[in-house]
Amino acid sequence: LRGRALRRLGAHAKAQEALKEVLRRRKTDVVLRNDALTDRALLVLDNGRKSLNPRDWLRGRPAELETFEVIRKDVDERRLWEQEWENLDGK
């Protein structure tokens, strides 16, 4: 976790040292060792963990932007409806 945080901050050398420390210890859990090896490889490639998941490759920004456009359109329609309703009450 510390290695990931340091890598995000741009301290690649410190991140590498943190990963080496995890791998140096003899009684480190296998899961932690595998995680450290993965992080070390990602540090070399200068990638994040999200790039490992193929589902993340398929996800894109356009879908999110379309959602915002639909929400904006709903808000505009609601505002128009409320204005028309107030005009009916005023007449």
PDB file of N, CA and C in Angstrom:
ATOM      1  N   LEU A   1       0.833  -1.190   0.000  1.00  0.00           N
ATOM      2  CA  LEU A   1       0.000   0.000   0.000  1.00  0.00           C
ATOM      3  C   LEU A   1       0.881   1.257   0.000  1.00  0.00           C
ATOM      4  N   ARG A   2       1.920   1.195   0.797  1.00  0.00           N
ATOM      5  CA  ARG A   2       2.829   2.341   0.853  1.00  0.00           C
ATOM      6  C   ARG A   2       3.518   2.551  -0.489  1.00  0.00           C
ATOM      7  N   GLY A   3       3.886   1.457  -1.125  1.00  0.00           N
ATOM      8  CA  GLY A   3       4.531   1.554  -2.432  1.00  0.00           C
ATOM      9  C   GLY A   3       3.625   2.195  -3.464  1.00  0.00           C
ATOM     10  N   ARG A   4       2.346   1.834  -3.438  1.00  0.00           N
ATOM     11  CA  ARG A   4       1.388   2.427  -4.380  1.00  0.00           C
ATOM     12  C   ARG A   4       1.222   3.915  -4.127  1.00  0.00           C
ATOM     13  N   ALA A   5       1.129   4.272  -2.845  1.00  0.00           N
ATOM     14  CA  ALA A   5       0.953   5.686  -2.501  1.00  0.00           C
ATOM     15  C   ALA A   5       2.174   6.500  -2.928  1.00  0.00           C
ATOM     16  N   LEU A   6       3.354   5.967  -2.682  1.00  0.00           N
ATOM     17  CA  LEU A   6       4.573   6.673  -3.076  1.00  0.00           C
ATOM     18  C   LEU A   6       4.677   6.795  -4.591  1.00  0.00           C
ATOM     19  N   ARG A   7       4.253   5.753  -5.296  1.00  0.00           N
ATOM     20  CA  ARG A   7       4.299   5.811  -6.760  1.00  0.00           C
ATOM     21  C   ARG A   7       3.361   6.884  -7.277  1.00  0.00           C
ATOM     22  N   ARG A   8       2.171   6.993  -6.663  1.00  0.00           N
ATOM     23  CA  ARG A   8       1.227   8.034  -7.081  1.00  0.00           C
ATOM     24  C   ARG A   8       1.787   9.422  -6.852  1.00  0.00           C
ATOM     25  N   LEU A   9       2.556   9.565  -5.785  1.00  0.00           N
ATOM     26  CA  LEU A   9       3.155  10.866  -5.490  1.00  0.00           C
ATOM     27  C   LEU A   9       4.363  11.152  -6.374  1.00  0.00           C
ATOM     28  N   GLY A  10       4.812  10.146  -7.108  1.00  0.00           N
ATOM     29  CA  GLY A  10       5.944  10.346  -8.007  1.00  0.00           C
ATOM     30  C   GLY A  10       7.282   9.938  -7.423  1.00  0.00           C
ATOM     31  N   ALA A  11       7.281   9.402  -6.212  1.00  0.00           N
ATOM     32  CA  ALA A  11       8.529   8.971  -5.570  1.00  0.00           C
ATOM     33  C   ALA A  11       8.799   7.514  -5.943  1.00  0.00           C
ATOM     34  N   HIS A  12       9.251   7.300  -7.162  1.00  0.00           N
ATOM     35  CA  HIS A  12       9.440   5.940  -7.665  1.00  0.00           C
ATOM     36  C   HIS A  12      10.543   5.192  -6.919  1.00  0.00           C
ATOM     37  N   ALA A  13      11.605   5.875  -6.557  1.00  0.00           N
ATOM     38  CA  ALA A  13      12.704   5.213  -5.845  1.00  0.00           C
ATOM     39  C   ALA A  13      12.244   4.733  -4.470  1.00  0.00           C
ATOM     40  N   LYS A  14      11.510   5.567  -3.756  1.00  0.00           N
ATOM     41  CA  LYS A  14      10.998   5.187  -2.431  1.00  0.00           C
ATOM     42  C   LYS A  14       9.989   4.045  -2.556  1.00  0.00           C
ATOM     43  N   ALA A  15       9.174   4.070  -3.609  1.00  0.00           N
ATOM     44  CA  ALA A  15       8.207   2.997  -3.830  1.00  0.00           C
ATOM     45  C   ALA A  15       8.934   1.679  -4.074  1.00  0.00           C
ATOM     46  N   GLN A  16       9.993   1.735  -4.847  1.00  0.00           N
ATOM     47  CA  GLN A  16      10.791   0.532  -5.122  1.00  0.00           C
ATOM     48  C   GLN A  16      11.404  -0.001  -3.837  1.00  0.00           C
ATOM     49  N   GLU A  17      11.889   0.887  -2.964  1.00  0.00           N
ATOM     50  CA  GLU A  17      12.467   0.471  -1.684  1.00  0.00           C
ATOM     51  C   GLU A  17      11.420  -0.202  -0.806  1.00  0.00           C
ATOM     52  N   ALA A  18      10.214   0.335  -0.778  1.00  0.00           N
ATOM     53  CA  ALA A  18       9.142  -0.256   0.028  1.00  0.00           C
ATOM     54  C   ALA A  18       8.814  -1.664  -0.465  1.00  0.00           C
ATOM     55  N   LEU A  19       8.788  -1.848  -1.766  1.00  0.00           N
ATOM     56  CA  LEU A  19       8.505  -3.171  -2.322  1.00  0.00           C
ATOM     57  C   LEU A  19       9.649  -4.147  -2.054  1.00  0.00           C
ATOM     58  N   LYS A  20      10.885  -3.665  -2.127  1.00  0.00           N
ATOM     59  CA  LYS A  20      12.036  -4.520  -1.827  1.00  0.00           C
ATOM     60  C   LYS A  20      11.989  -4.995  -0.383  1.00  0.00           C
ATOM     61  N   GLU A  21      11.558  -4.120   0.527  1.00  0.00           N
ATOM     62  CA  GLU A  21      11.469  -4.482   1.943  1.00  0.00           C
ATOM     63  C   GLU A  21      10.460  -5.602   2.150  1.00  0.00           C
ATOM     64  N   VAL A  22       9.328  -5.539   1.485  1.00  0.00           N
ATOM     65  CA  VAL A  22       8.317  -6.596   1.608  1.00  0.00           C
ATOM     66  C   VAL A  22       8.871  -7.908   1.069  1.00  0.00           C
ATOM     67  N   LEU A  23       9.564  -7.847  -0.051  1.00  0.00           N
ATOM     68  CA  LEU A  23      10.097  -9.066  -0.661  1.00  0.00           C
ATOM     69  C   LEU A  23      11.301  -9.620   0.102  1.00  0.00           C
ATOM     70  N   ARG A  24      11.996  -8.778   0.852  1.00  0.00           N
ATOM     71  CA  ARG A  24      13.178  -9.212   1.601  1.00  0.00           C
ATOM     72  C   ARG A  24      12.802 -10.072   2.803  1.00  0.00           C
ATOM     73  N   ARG A  25      11.709  -9.773   3.447  1.00  0.00           N
ATOM     74  CA  ARG A  25      11.312 -10.490   4.662  1.00  0.00           C
ATOM     75  C   ARG A  25      10.958 -11.940   4.341  1.00  0.00           C
ATOM     76  N   ARG A  26      11.436 -12.845   5.186  1.00  0.00           N
ATOM     77  CA  ARG A  26      11.225 -14.271   4.938  1.00  0.00           C
ATOM     78  C   ARG A  26       9.807 -14.727   5.273  1.00  0.00           C
ATOM     79  N   LYS A  27       9.206 -14.205   6.302  1.00  0.00           N
ATOM     80  CA  LYS A  27       7.902 -14.698   6.749  1.00  0.00           C
ATOM     81  C   LYS A  27       6.734 -13.888   6.183  1.00  0.00           C
ATOM     82  N   THR A  28       6.963 -13.229   5.087  1.00  0.00           N
ATOM     83  CA  THR A  28       5.897 -12.454   4.459  1.00  0.00           C
ATOM     84  C   THR A  28       4.900 -13.413   3.822  1.00  0.00           C
ATOM     85  N   ASP A  29       3.626 -13.129   3.996  1.00  0.00           N
ATOM     86  CA  ASP A  29       2.563 -13.945   3.424  1.00  0.00           C
ATOM     87  C   ASP A  29       2.694 -14.002   1.900  1.00  0.00           C
ATOM     88  N   VAL A  30       2.309 -15.126   1.322  1.00  0.00           N
ATOM     89  CA  VAL A  30       2.427 -15.322  -0.127  1.00  0.00           C
ATOM     90  C   VAL A  30       1.609 -14.281  -0.887  1.00  0.00           C
ATOM     91  N   VAL A  31       0.448 -13.949  -0.368  1.00  0.00           N
ATOM     92  CA  VAL A  31      -0.405 -12.961  -1.032  1.00  0.00           C
ATOM     93  C   VAL A  31       0.295 -11.607  -1.089  1.00  0.00           C
ATOM     94  N   LEU A  32       0.925 -11.223   0.020  1.00  0.00           N
ATOM     95  CA  LEU A  32       1.645  -9.947   0.049  1.00  0.00           C
ATOM     96  C   LEU A  32       2.844  -9.962  -0.894  1.00  0.00           C
ATOM     97  N   ARG A  33       3.534 -11.097  -0.954  1.00  0.00           N
ATOM     98  CA  ARG A  33       4.684 -11.195  -1.864  1.00  0.00           C
ATOM     99  C   ARG A  33       4.230 -11.064  -3.314  1.00  0.00           C
ATOM    100  N   ASN A  34       3.152 -11.765  -3.667  1.00  0.00           N
ATOM    101  CA  ASN A  34       2.642 -11.681  -5.042  1.00  0.00           C
ATOM    102  C   ASN A  34       2.179 -10.268  -5.365  1.00  0.00           C
ATOM    103  N   ASP A  35       1.533  -9.642  -4.400  1.00  0.00           N
ATOM    104  CA  ASP A  35       1.074  -8.269  -4.584  1.00  0.00           C
ATOM    105  C   ASP A  35       2.260  -7.326  -4.790  1.00  0.00           C
ATOM    106  N   ALA A  36       3.303  -7.534  -4.011  1.00  0.00           N
ATOM    107  CA  ALA A  36       4.497  -6.691  -4.140  1.00  0.00           C
ATOM    108  C   ALA A  36       5.182  -6.912  -5.487  1.00  0.00           C
ATOM    109  N   LEU A  37       5.226  -8.162  -5.935  1.00  0.00           N
ATOM    110  CA  LEU A  37       5.826  -8.434  -7.247  1.00  0.00           C
ATOM    111  C   LEU A  37       5.027  -7.769  -8.362  1.00  0.00           C
ATOM    112  N   THR A  38       3.705  -7.827  -8.247  1.00  0.00           N
ATOM    113  CA  THR A  38       2.852  -7.174  -9.245  1.00  0.00           C
ATOM    114  C   THR A  38       3.078  -5.670  -9.237  1.00  0.00           C
ATOM    115  N   ASP A  39       3.116  -5.088  -8.040  1.00  0.00           N
ATOM    116  CA  ASP A  39       3.340  -3.642  -7.942  1.00  0.00           C
ATOM    117  C   ASP A  39       4.712  -3.250  -8.486  1.00  0.00           C
ATOM    118  N   ARG A  40       5.707  -4.104  -8.243  1.00  0.00           N
ATOM    119  CA  ARG A  40       7.045  -3.800  -8.749  1.00  0.00           C
ATOM    120  C   ARG A  40       7.060  -3.815 -10.278  1.00  0.00           C
ATOM    121  N   ALA A  41       6.364  -4.785 -10.857  1.00  0.00           N
ATOM    122  CA  ALA A  41       6.286  -4.843 -12.323  1.00  0.00           C
ATOM    123  C   ALA A  41       5.541  -3.631 -12.867  1.00  0.00           C
ATOM    124  N   LEU A  42       4.462  -3.240 -12.194  1.00  0.00           N
ATOM    125  CA  LEU A  42       3.705  -2.068 -12.635  1.00  0.00           C
ATOM    126  C   LEU A  42       4.527  -0.796 -12.492  1.00  0.00           C
ATOM    127  N   LEU A  43       5.361  -0.759 -11.467  1.00  0.00           N
ATOM    128  CA  LEU A  43       6.227   0.402 -11.273  1.00  0.00           C
ATOM    129  C   LEU A  43       7.223   0.518 -12.426  1.00  0.00           C
ATOM    130  N   VAL A  44       7.735  -0.617 -12.863  1.00  0.00           N
ATOM    131  CA  VAL A  44       8.665  -0.614 -13.997  1.00  0.00           C
ATOM    132  C   VAL A  44       7.948  -0.156 -15.260  1.00  0.00           C
ATOM    133  N   LEU A  45       6.714  -0.635 -15.437  1.00  0.00           N
ATOM    134  CA  LEU A  45       5.944  -0.269 -16.628  1.00  0.00           C
ATOM    135  C   LEU A  45       5.294   1.104 -16.509  1.00  0.00           C
ATOM    136  N   ASP A  46       5.314   1.659 -15.296  1.00  0.00           N
ATOM    137  CA  ASP A  46       4.690   2.953 -15.011  1.00  0.00           C
ATOM    138  C   ASP A  46       3.188   2.919 -15.314  1.00  0.00           C
ATOM    139  N   ASN A  47       2.545   1.843 -14.874  1.00  0.00           N
ATOM    140  CA  ASN A  47       1.103   1.683 -15.028  1.00  0.00           C
ATOM    141  C   ASN A  47       0.463   1.521 -13.667  1.00  0.00           C
ATOM    142  N   GLY A  48      -0.838   1.673 -13.636  1.00  0.00           N
ATOM    143  CA  GLY A  48      -1.581   1.456 -12.408  1.00  0.00           C
ATOM    144  C   GLY A  48      -2.254   0.103 -12.414  1.00  0.00           C
ATOM    145  N   ARG A  49      -2.856  -0.258 -11.300  1.00  0.00           N
ATOM    146  CA  ARG A  49      -3.543  -1.540 -11.195  1.00  0.00           C
ATOM    147  C   ARG A  49      -4.762  -1.617 -12.101  1.00  0.00           C
ATOM    148  N   LYS A  50      -5.405  -0.505 -12.357  1.00  0.00           N
ATOM    149  CA  LYS A  50      -6.597  -0.541 -13.194  1.00  0.00           C
ATOM    150  C   LYS A  50      -6.285  -1.026 -14.599  1.00  0.00           C
ATOM    151  N   SER A  51      -5.069  -0.814 -15.043  1.00  0.00           N
ATOM    152  CA  SER A  51      -4.728  -1.219 -16.405  1.00  0.00           C
ATOM    153  C   SER A  51      -4.661  -2.733 -16.549  1.00  0.00           C
ATOM    154  N   LEU A  52      -4.650  -3.480 -15.438  1.00  0.00           N
ATOM    155  CA  LEU A  52      -4.595  -4.935 -15.509  1.00  0.00           C
ATOM    156  C   LEU A  52      -5.954  -5.554 -15.794  1.00  0.00           C
ATOM    157  N   ASN A  53      -7.019  -4.861 -15.481  1.00  0.00           N
ATOM    158  CA  ASN A  53      -8.358  -5.412 -15.619  1.00  0.00           C
ATOM    159  C   ASN A  53      -8.893  -5.153 -17.028  1.00  0.00           C
ATOM    160  N   PRO A  54      -9.145  -6.207 -17.816  1.00  0.00           N
ATOM    161  CA  PRO A  54      -9.641  -6.005 -19.183  1.00  0.00           C
ATOM    162  C   PRO A  54     -10.980  -5.278 -19.235  1.00  0.00           C
ATOM    163  N   ARG A  55     -11.784  -5.407 -18.195  1.00  0.00           N
ATOM    164  CA  ARG A  55     -13.069  -4.705 -18.179  1.00  0.00           C
ATOM    165  C   ARG A  55     -12.873  -3.193 -18.184  1.00  0.00           C
ATOM    166  N   ASP A  56     -11.795  -2.741 -17.562  1.00  0.00           N
ATOM    167  CA  ASP A  56     -11.517  -1.306 -17.545  1.00  0.00           C
ATOM    168  C   ASP A  56     -11.137  -0.795 -18.926  1.00  0.00           C
ATOM    169  N   TRP A  57     -10.603  -1.669 -19.763  1.00  0.00           N
ATOM    170  CA  TRP A  57     -10.250  -1.247 -21.122  1.00  0.00           C
ATOM    171  C   TRP A  57     -11.504  -0.943 -21.915  1.00  0.00           C
ATOM    172  N   LEU A  58     -12.582  -1.699 -21.633  1.00  0.00           N
ATOM    173  CA  LEU A  58     -13.822  -1.536 -22.394  1.00  0.00           C
ATOM    174  C   LEU A  58     -14.613  -0.315 -21.948  1.00  0.00           C
ATOM    175  N   ARG A  59     -14.427   0.047 -20.703  1.00  0.00           N
ATOM    176  CA  ARG A  59     -15.154   1.209 -20.186  1.00  0.00           C
ATOM    177  C   ARG A  59     -14.547   2.481 -20.742  1.00  0.00           C
ATOM    178  N   GLY A  60     -15.413   3.421 -21.064  1.00  0.00           N
ATOM    179  CA  GLY A  60     -14.889   4.666 -21.606  1.00  0.00           C
ATOM    180  C   GLY A  60     -15.625   5.862 -21.054  1.00  0.00           C
ATOM    181  N   ARG A  61     -15.129   6.999 -21.342  1.00  0.00           N
ATOM    182  CA  ARG A  61     -15.724   8.245 -20.886  1.00  0.00           C
ATOM    183  C   ARG A  61     -17.030   8.599 -21.596  1.00  0.00           C
ATOM    184  N   PRO A  62     -17.217   8.264 -22.880  1.00  0.00           N
ATOM    185  CA  PRO A  62     -18.434   8.708 -23.567  1.00  0.00           C
ATOM    186  C   PRO A  62     -19.723   8.281 -22.872  1.00  0.00           C
ATOM    187  N   ALA A  63     -19.744   7.075 -22.297  1.00  0.00           N
ATOM    188  CA  ALA A  63     -20.958   6.619 -21.619  1.00  0.00           C
ATOM    189  C   ALA A  63     -21.269   7.524 -20.430  1.00  0.00           C
ATOM    190  N   GLU A  64     -20.242   7.910 -19.695  1.00  0.00           N
ATOM    191  CA  GLU A  64     -20.455   8.784 -18.551  1.00  0.00           C
ATOM    192  C   GLU A  64     -20.959  10.151 -19.008  1.00  0.00           C
ATOM    193  N   LEU A  65     -20.413  10.659 -20.095  1.00  0.00           N
ATOM    194  CA  LEU A  65     -20.841  11.961 -20.592  1.00  0.00           C
ATOM    195  C   LEU A  65     -22.278  11.910 -21.083  1.00  0.00           C
ATOM    196  N   GLU A  66     -22.669  10.806 -21.715  1.00  0.00           N
ATOM    197  CA  GLU A  66     -24.047  10.662 -22.163  1.00  0.00           C
ATOM    198  C   GLU A  66     -24.994  10.696 -20.974  1.00  0.00           C
ATOM    199  N   THR A  67     -24.605  10.082 -19.886  1.00  0.00           N
ATOM    200  CA  THR A  67     -25.438  10.074 -18.690  1.00  0.00           C
ATOM    201  C   THR A  67     -25.641  11.489 -18.180  1.00  0.00           C
ATOM    202  N   PHE A  68     -24.570  12.274 -18.145  1.00  0.00           N
ATOM    203  CA  PHE A  68     -24.692  13.649 -17.683  1.00  0.00           C
ATOM    204  C   PHE A  68     -25.594  14.465 -18.597  1.00  0.00           C
ATOM    205  N   GLU A  69     -25.511  14.209 -19.896  1.00  0.00           N
ATOM    206  CA  GLU A  69     -26.368  14.936 -20.833  1.00  0.00           C
ATOM    207  C   GLU A  69     -27.832  14.598 -20.597  1.00  0.00           C
ATOM    208  N   VAL A  70     -28.124  13.331 -20.316  1.00  0.00           N
ATOM    209  CA  VAL A  70     -29.501  12.920 -20.037  1.00  0.00           C
ATOM    210  C   VAL A  70     -29.993  13.588 -18.762  1.00  0.00           C
ATOM    211  N   ILE A  71     -29.151  13.634 -17.747  1.00  0.00           N
ATOM    212  CA  ILE A  71     -29.541  14.276 -16.491  1.00  0.00           C
ATOM    213  C   ILE A  71     -29.798  15.757 -16.720  1.00  0.00           C
ATOM    214  N   ARG A  72     -28.918  16.412 -17.455  1.00  0.00           N
ATOM    215  CA  ARG A  72     -29.117  17.838 -17.745  1.00  0.00           C
ATOM    216  C   ARG A  72     -30.422  18.055 -18.500  1.00  0.00           C
ATOM    217  N   LYS A  73     -30.700  17.171 -19.438  1.00  0.00           N
ATOM    218  CA  LYS A  73     -31.923  17.299 -20.220  1.00  0.00           C
ATOM    219  C   LYS A  73     -33.143  17.134 -19.314  1.00  0.00           C
ATOM    220  N   ASP A  74     -33.076  16.188 -18.378  1.00  0.00           N
ATOM    221  CA  ASP A  74     -34.173  15.994 -17.431  1.00  0.00           C
ATOM    222  C   ASP A  74     -34.375  17.229 -16.564  1.00  0.00           C
ATOM    223  N   VAL A  75     -33.285  17.834 -16.126  1.00  0.00           N
ATOM    224  CA  VAL A  75     -33.377  19.036 -15.295  1.00  0.00           C
ATOM    225  C   VAL A  75     -33.997  20.174 -16.095  1.00  0.00           C
ATOM    226  N   ASP A  76     -33.581  20.322 -17.347  1.00  0.00           N
ATOM    227  CA  ASP A  76     -34.155  21.371 -18.204  1.00  0.00           C
ATOM    228  C   ASP A  76     -35.643  21.141 -18.431  1.00  0.00           C
ATOM    229  N   GLU A  77     -36.025  19.895 -18.694  1.00  0.00           N
ATOM    230  CA  GLU A  77     -37.440  19.575 -18.909  1.00  0.00           C
ATOM    231  C   GLU A  77     -38.252  19.866 -17.647  1.00  0.00           C
ATOM    232  N   ARG A  78     -37.703  19.524 -16.501  1.00  0.00           N
ATOM    233  CA  ARG A  78     -38.402  19.779 -15.231  1.00  0.00           C
ATOM    234  C   ARG A  78     -38.592  21.282 -15.020  1.00  0.00           C
ATOM    235  N   ARG A  79     -37.542  22.056 -15.303  1.00  0.00           N
ATOM    236  CA  ARG A  79     -37.632  23.505 -15.148  1.00  0.00           C
ATOM    237  C   ARG A  79     -38.702  24.091 -16.074  1.00  0.00           C
ATOM    238  N   LEU A  80     -38.733  23.640 -17.321  1.00  0.00           N
ATOM    239  CA  LEU A  80     -39.758  24.112 -18.259  1.00  0.00           C
ATOM    240  C   LEU A  80     -41.160  23.743 -17.783  1.00  0.00           C
ATOM    241  N   TRP A  81     -41.310  22.533 -17.281  1.00  0.00           N
ATOM    242  CA  TRP A  81     -42.609  22.083 -16.789  1.00  0.00           C
ATOM    243  C   TRP A  81     -43.065  22.949 -15.615  1.00  0.00           C
ATOM    244  N   GLU A  82     -42.145  23.257 -14.685  1.00  0.00           N
ATOM    245  CA  GLU A  82     -42.493  24.094 -13.534  1.00  0.00           C
ATOM    246  C   GLU A  82     -42.870  25.506 -13.970  1.00  0.00           C
ATOM    247  N   GLN A  83     -42.168  26.040 -14.973  1.00  0.00           N
ATOM    248  CA  GLN A  83     -42.512  27.375 -15.478  1.00  0.00           C
ATOM    249  C   GLN A  83     -43.906  27.371 -16.097  1.00  0.00           C
ATOM    250  N   GLU A  84     -44.214  26.353 -16.882  1.00  0.00           N
ATOM    251  CA  GLU A  84     -45.545  26.262 -17.487  1.00  0.00           C
ATOM    252  C   GLU A  84     -46.616  26.110 -16.413  1.00  0.00           C
ATOM    253  N   TRP A  85     -46.326  25.350 -15.372  1.00  0.00           N
ATOM    254  CA  TRP A  85     -47.284  25.144 -14.292  1.00  0.00           C
ATOM    255  C   TRP A  85     -47.561  26.466 -13.568  1.00  0.00           C
ATOM    256  N   GLU A  86     -46.489  27.219 -13.308  1.00  0.00           N
ATOM    257  CA  GLU A  86     -46.666  28.522 -12.658  1.00  0.00           C
ATOM    258  C   GLU A  86     -47.458  29.470 -13.551  1.00  0.00           C
ATOM    259  N   ASN A  87     -47.219  29.427 -14.856  1.00  0.00           N
ATOM    260  CA  ASN A  87     -47.971  30.275 -15.788  1.00  0.00           C
ATOM    261  C   ASN A  87     -49.452  29.906 -15.793  1.00  0.00           C
ATOM    262  N   LEU A  88     -49.763  28.633 -15.658  1.00  0.00           N
ATOM    263  CA  LEU A  88     -51.169  28.212 -15.604  1.00  0.00           C
ATOM    264  C   LEU A  88     -51.838  28.721 -14.333  1.00  0.00           C
ATOM    265  N   ASP A  89     -51.110  28.694 -13.217  1.00  0.00           N
ATOM    266  CA  ASP A  89     -51.661  29.191 -11.949  1.00  0.00           C
ATOM    267  C   ASP A  89     -51.879  30.695 -11.996  1.00  0.00           C
ATOM    268  N   GLY A  90     -50.994  31.395 -12.685  1.00  0.00           N
ATOM    269  CA  GLY A  90     -51.072  32.857 -12.755  1.00  0.00           C
ATOM    270  C   GLY A  90     -52.189  33.346 -13.655  1.00  0.00           C
ATOM    271  N   LYS A  91     -52.680  32.556 -14.591  1.00  0.00           N
ATOM    272  CA  LYS A  91     -53.697  32.994 -15.555  1.00  0.00           C
ATOM    273  C   LYS A  91     -55.068  32.857 -15.034  1.00  0.00           C
TER     274      LYS A  91
END
